[in-house]
Protein backbone atom coordinates (compact mmCIF):
# COMPACT_ATOMS: atom_id res chain seq x y z
CA UNK A 1 12.94 -17.54 -10.26
CA UNK A 2 13.07 -20.22 -13.11
CA UNK A 3 16.79 -21.20 -11.84
CA UNK A 4 15.77 -21.31 -8.16
CA UNK A 5 12.51 -23.37 -8.34
CA UNK A 6 12.44 -27.17 -8.69
CA UNK A 7 8.78 -26.92 -9.94
CA UNK A 8 6.40 -29.53 -8.43
CA UNK A 9 3.44 -31.12 -11.07
CA UNK A 10 0.90 -28.95 -9.06
CA UNK A 11 1.47 -25.13 -8.65
CA UNK A 12 -1.37 -22.62 -7.39
CA UNK A 13 0.10 -18.89 -7.92
CA UNK A 14 -1.77 -16.27 -6.21
CA UNK A 15 -1.86 -12.55 -5.54
CA UNK A 16 -1.79 -12.56 -1.99
CA UNK A 17 -3.13 -8.94 -1.18
CA UNK A 18 -5.80 -9.57 -3.64
CA UNK A 19 -7.06 -12.65 -1.55
CA UNK A 20 -6.29 -11.01 1.71
CA UNK A 21 -8.65 -8.28 0.72
CA UNK A 22 -11.42 -10.48 -0.75
CA UNK A 23 -11.38 -12.69 2.86
CA UNK A 24 -11.89 -9.06 4.73
CA UNK A 25 -14.81 -8.36 2.82
CA UNK A 26 -16.21 -11.56 3.07
CA UNK A 27 -15.99 -11.21 6.56
CA UNK A 28 -17.07 -8.20 7.11
CA UNK A 29 -20.27 -9.28 5.33
CA UNK A 30 -20.83 -12.11 6.71
CA UNK A 31 -20.45 -11.48 10.54
CA UNK A 32 -23.48 -9.10 9.98
CA UNK A 33 -25.47 -11.68 8.29
CA UNK A 34 -24.68 -14.56 10.56
CA UNK A 35 -24.44 -12.58 13.52
CA UNK A 36 -21.02 -14.14 15.18
CA UNK A 37 -17.09 -13.22 14.83
CA UNK A 38 -15.55 -14.94 12.24
CA UNK A 39 -11.90 -15.70 12.85
CA UNK A 40 -8.91 -15.50 10.22
CA UNK A 41 -9.08 -17.75 7.09
CA UNK A 42 -6.98 -21.20 7.30
CA UNK A 43 -4.40 -20.32 4.67
CA UNK A 44 -3.63 -24.20 4.66
CA UNK A 45 -7.45 -25.21 4.46
CA UNK A 46 -7.68 -22.17 1.62
CA UNK A 47 -5.06 -23.82 -0.45
CA UNK A 48 -6.56 -27.17 -0.14
CA UNK A 49 -9.74 -25.98 -1.21
CA UNK A 50 -8.14 -24.32 -4.32
CA UNK A 51 -6.38 -27.53 -5.31
CA UNK A 52 -9.45 -29.55 -4.94
CA UNK A 53 -11.45 -26.95 -7.19
CA UNK A 54 -8.33 -27.00 -9.83
CA UNK A 55 -8.74 -30.86 -10.23
CA UNK A 56 -6.63 -32.38 -7.73
CA UNK A 57 -7.48 -35.65 -6.40
CA UNK A 58 -6.47 -37.86 -3.37
CA UNK A 59 -3.12 -38.81 -3.77
CA UNK A 60 0.46 -38.30 -2.39
CA UNK A 61 1.43 -35.32 -4.13
CA UNK A 62 3.58 -32.21 -4.09
CA UNK A 63 2.24 -28.91 -4.62
CA UNK A 64 3.52 -25.23 -4.70
CA UNK A 65 1.79 -22.41 -3.49
CA UNK A 66 3.43 -19.19 -4.33
CA UNK A 67 1.94 -16.05 -2.68
CA UNK A 68 2.86 -12.73 -4.79
CA UNK A 69 2.57 -9.64 -2.39
CA UNK A 70 3.42 -6.09 -2.36
CA UNK A 71 6.99 -5.62 -0.73
CA UNK A 72 5.81 -2.98 1.94
CA UNK A 73 3.24 -5.78 3.02
CA UNK A 74 4.69 -7.79 5.74
CA UNK A 75 1.93 -10.46 6.30
CA UNK A 76 -1.84 -11.27 5.65
CA UNK A 77 -4.30 -9.56 7.98
CA UNK A 78 -6.98 -11.84 7.45
CA UNK A 79 -5.73 -15.57 7.16
CA UNK A 80 -3.38 -17.35 9.54
CA UNK A 81 -0.71 -18.46 9.43
CA UNK A 82 0.17 -14.75 8.00
CA UNK A 83 3.76 -13.54 8.58
CA UNK A 84 5.54 -13.98 5.08
CA UNK A 85 9.10 -13.95 6.43
CA UNK A 86 8.71 -15.62 9.84
CA UNK A 87 5.65 -18.17 9.41
CA UNK A 88 5.71 -18.89 5.59
CA UNK A 89 8.55 -18.36 3.56
CA UNK A 90 10.17 -21.80 2.69
CA UNK A 91 7.39 -23.48 5.02
CA UNK A 92 5.39 -26.67 4.09
CA UNK A 93 2.45 -28.37 5.42
CA UNK A 94 1.06 -31.99 4.53
CA UNK A 95 -3.14 -32.58 4.21
CA UNK A 96 -3.76 -36.21 4.37
CA UNK A 97 -5.67 -36.24 1.33
CA UNK A 98 -3.30 -34.52 -0.85
CA UNK A 99 -0.08 -34.38 0.03
CA UNK A 100 2.58 -31.90 0.87
CA UNK A 101 2.27 -28.23 0.09
CA UNK A 102 5.23 -25.94 0.43
CA UNK A 103 4.67 -21.82 0.41
CA UNK A 104 6.96 -19.70 -1.32
CA UNK A 105 5.86 -15.82 -0.99
CA UNK A 106 7.34 -13.39 -3.75
CA UNK A 107 7.63 -9.71 -2.64
CA UNK A 108 7.10 -7.33 -5.76
CA UNK A 109 9.28 -4.44 -5.58
CA UNK A 110 7.06 -1.61 -7.66
CA UNK A 111 10.58 -0.04 -8.71
CA UNK A 112 11.37 -3.10 -10.66
CA UNK A 113 7.82 -4.91 -12.05
CA UNK A 114 4.61 -4.67 -11.14
CA UNK A 115 2.48 -7.58 -9.47
CA UNK A 116 0.21 -8.18 -12.90
CA UNK A 117 3.62 -8.23 -14.69
CA UNK A 118 5.29 -10.93 -12.66
CA UNK A 119 2.31 -12.91 -12.28
CA UNK A 120 1.96 -13.13 -16.06
CA UNK A 121 5.90 -13.98 -16.22
CA UNK A 122 5.37 -16.70 -13.56
CA UNK A 123 2.28 -18.28 -15.28
CA UNK A 124 3.69 -18.36 -18.79
CA UNK A 125 7.61 -19.61 -17.28
CA UNK A 126 5.00 -22.59 -15.62
CA UNK A 127 3.52 -23.30 -18.99
CA UNK A 128 7.08 -24.24 -20.21
CA UNK A 129 7.97 -26.53 -17.64
CA UNK A 130 7.35 -30.10 -18.79
CA UNK A 131 7.06 -31.46 -15.13
CA UNK A 132 4.24 -29.04 -14.40
CA UNK A 133 0.88 -30.28 -14.94
CA UNK A 134 -1.68 -28.39 -13.09
CA UNK A 135 -1.76 -24.68 -12.81
CA UNK A 136 -4.23 -22.92 -10.53
CA UNK A 137 -3.93 -19.11 -10.78
CA UNK A 138 -5.70 -16.59 -8.53
CA UNK A 139 -5.38 -13.33 -10.15
CA UNK A 140 -6.94 -9.69 -9.25
CA UNK A 141 -9.69 -9.84 -11.96
CA UNK A 142 -11.34 -6.81 -10.71
CA UNK A 143 -8.43 -4.20 -11.70
CA UNK A 144 -6.57 -3.69 -14.84
CA UNK A 145 -6.08 -5.73 -17.21
CA UNK A 146 -4.71 -9.21 -16.03
CA UNK A 147 -7.24 -11.34 -16.49
CA UNK A 148 -7.50 -10.73 -20.10
CA UNK A 149 -3.57 -10.57 -20.59
CA UNK A 150 -3.71 -14.14 -19.06
CA UNK A 151 -6.42 -15.14 -21.24
CA UNK A 152 -4.37 -14.17 -24.19
CA UNK A 153 -1.27 -15.87 -22.72
CA UNK A 154 -3.20 -19.28 -22.26
CA UNK A 155 -5.05 -18.84 -25.57
CA UNK A 156 -1.88 -20.10 -27.70
CA UNK A 157 -1.29 -22.95 -25.16
CA UNK A 158 -1.58 -26.11 -27.03
CA UNK A 159 -0.20 -28.56 -24.44
CA UNK A 160 -3.19 -30.97 -23.55
CA UNK A 161 -0.90 -32.05 -20.43
CA UNK A 162 -1.40 -28.70 -18.70
CA UNK A 163 -4.62 -28.45 -16.38
CA UNK A 164 -5.26 -24.87 -15.95
CA UNK A 165 -7.65 -23.22 -13.80
CA UNK A 166 -8.04 -19.51 -13.22
CA UNK A 167 -10.37 -18.02 -10.09
CA UNK A 168 -12.19 -15.10 -9.72
CA UNK A 169 -15.14 -13.92 -7.71
CA UNK A 170 -17.71 -13.73 -10.65
CA UNK A 171 -17.96 -15.64 -14.11
CA UNK A 172 -15.33 -14.07 -16.47
CA UNK A 173 -15.12 -13.99 -19.95
CA UNK A 174 -14.19 -17.97 -21.19
CA UNK A 175 -10.62 -18.88 -22.52
CA UNK A 176 -8.06 -22.06 -22.84
CA UNK A 177 -8.87 -22.64 -18.87
CA UNK A 178 -11.22 -23.66 -16.61
CA UNK A 179 -12.81 -21.62 -14.50
CA UNK A 180 -13.95 -21.56 -10.54
CA UNK A 181 -15.38 -18.83 -8.31
CA UNK A 182 -12.93 -17.92 -5.46
CA UNK A 183 -15.32 -16.75 -2.71
CA UNK A 184 -16.11 -20.81 -2.01
CA UNK A 185 -12.68 -21.83 -0.96
CA UNK A 186 -12.37 -18.57 1.09
CA UNK A 187 -15.59 -19.06 3.02
CA UNK A 188 -14.51 -22.36 3.33
CA UNK A 189 -11.25 -21.66 5.03
CA UNK A 190 -13.14 -18.68 6.81
CA UNK A 191 -15.22 -21.42 8.64
CA UNK A 192 -18.69 -20.13 7.28
CA UNK A 193 -21.08 -23.18 6.95
CA UNK A 194 -23.71 -23.72 4.37
CA UNK A 195 -26.24 -24.36 7.46
CA UNK A 196 -25.41 -20.71 8.56
CA UNK A 197 -26.26 -19.43 4.99
CA UNK A 198 -29.54 -21.27 4.85
CA UNK A 199 -30.67 -19.26 8.12
CA UNK A 200 -30.18 -16.14 6.77
């Protein structure tokens, strides 16, 4: 992977199966609370929100969105566009404020490597790339030791030119990175408005 990608300054690395599950849980809970059907989340809108939460500001940027998913998962169930091969692989979109986002799904073959190890390896590789300035990581912080492993890996990063943000559904033990709450970006992508929540 290191040899095949022309790394951009800004990289989002996300556990796609995890964000899909979070979107499903938020949809089920909020449909009951606000009393209306919630459509699938807008993947492009979600990526833009993650980039903003990760500190990206207006400009003609280039951002890679790496979606790590289980090989037997062909598509996202709660986002649009959804099909990894037909709709997302090597596709790009342009945001008027933040520039171009290029999508790269990465299928995990469990027989060869588990998803957590792959994400840890990718983040470690990104930290060594001089051209990469901003890394936004969306791990499954609810299971296993991945969050702690990422924290340990990033603890030794002494490159001040790297801006790293980790996303989780609740505040986690701190480290050598910024933290943001994942739920806000997914709620935005689902079209859940603040006014609706005030009426609950």
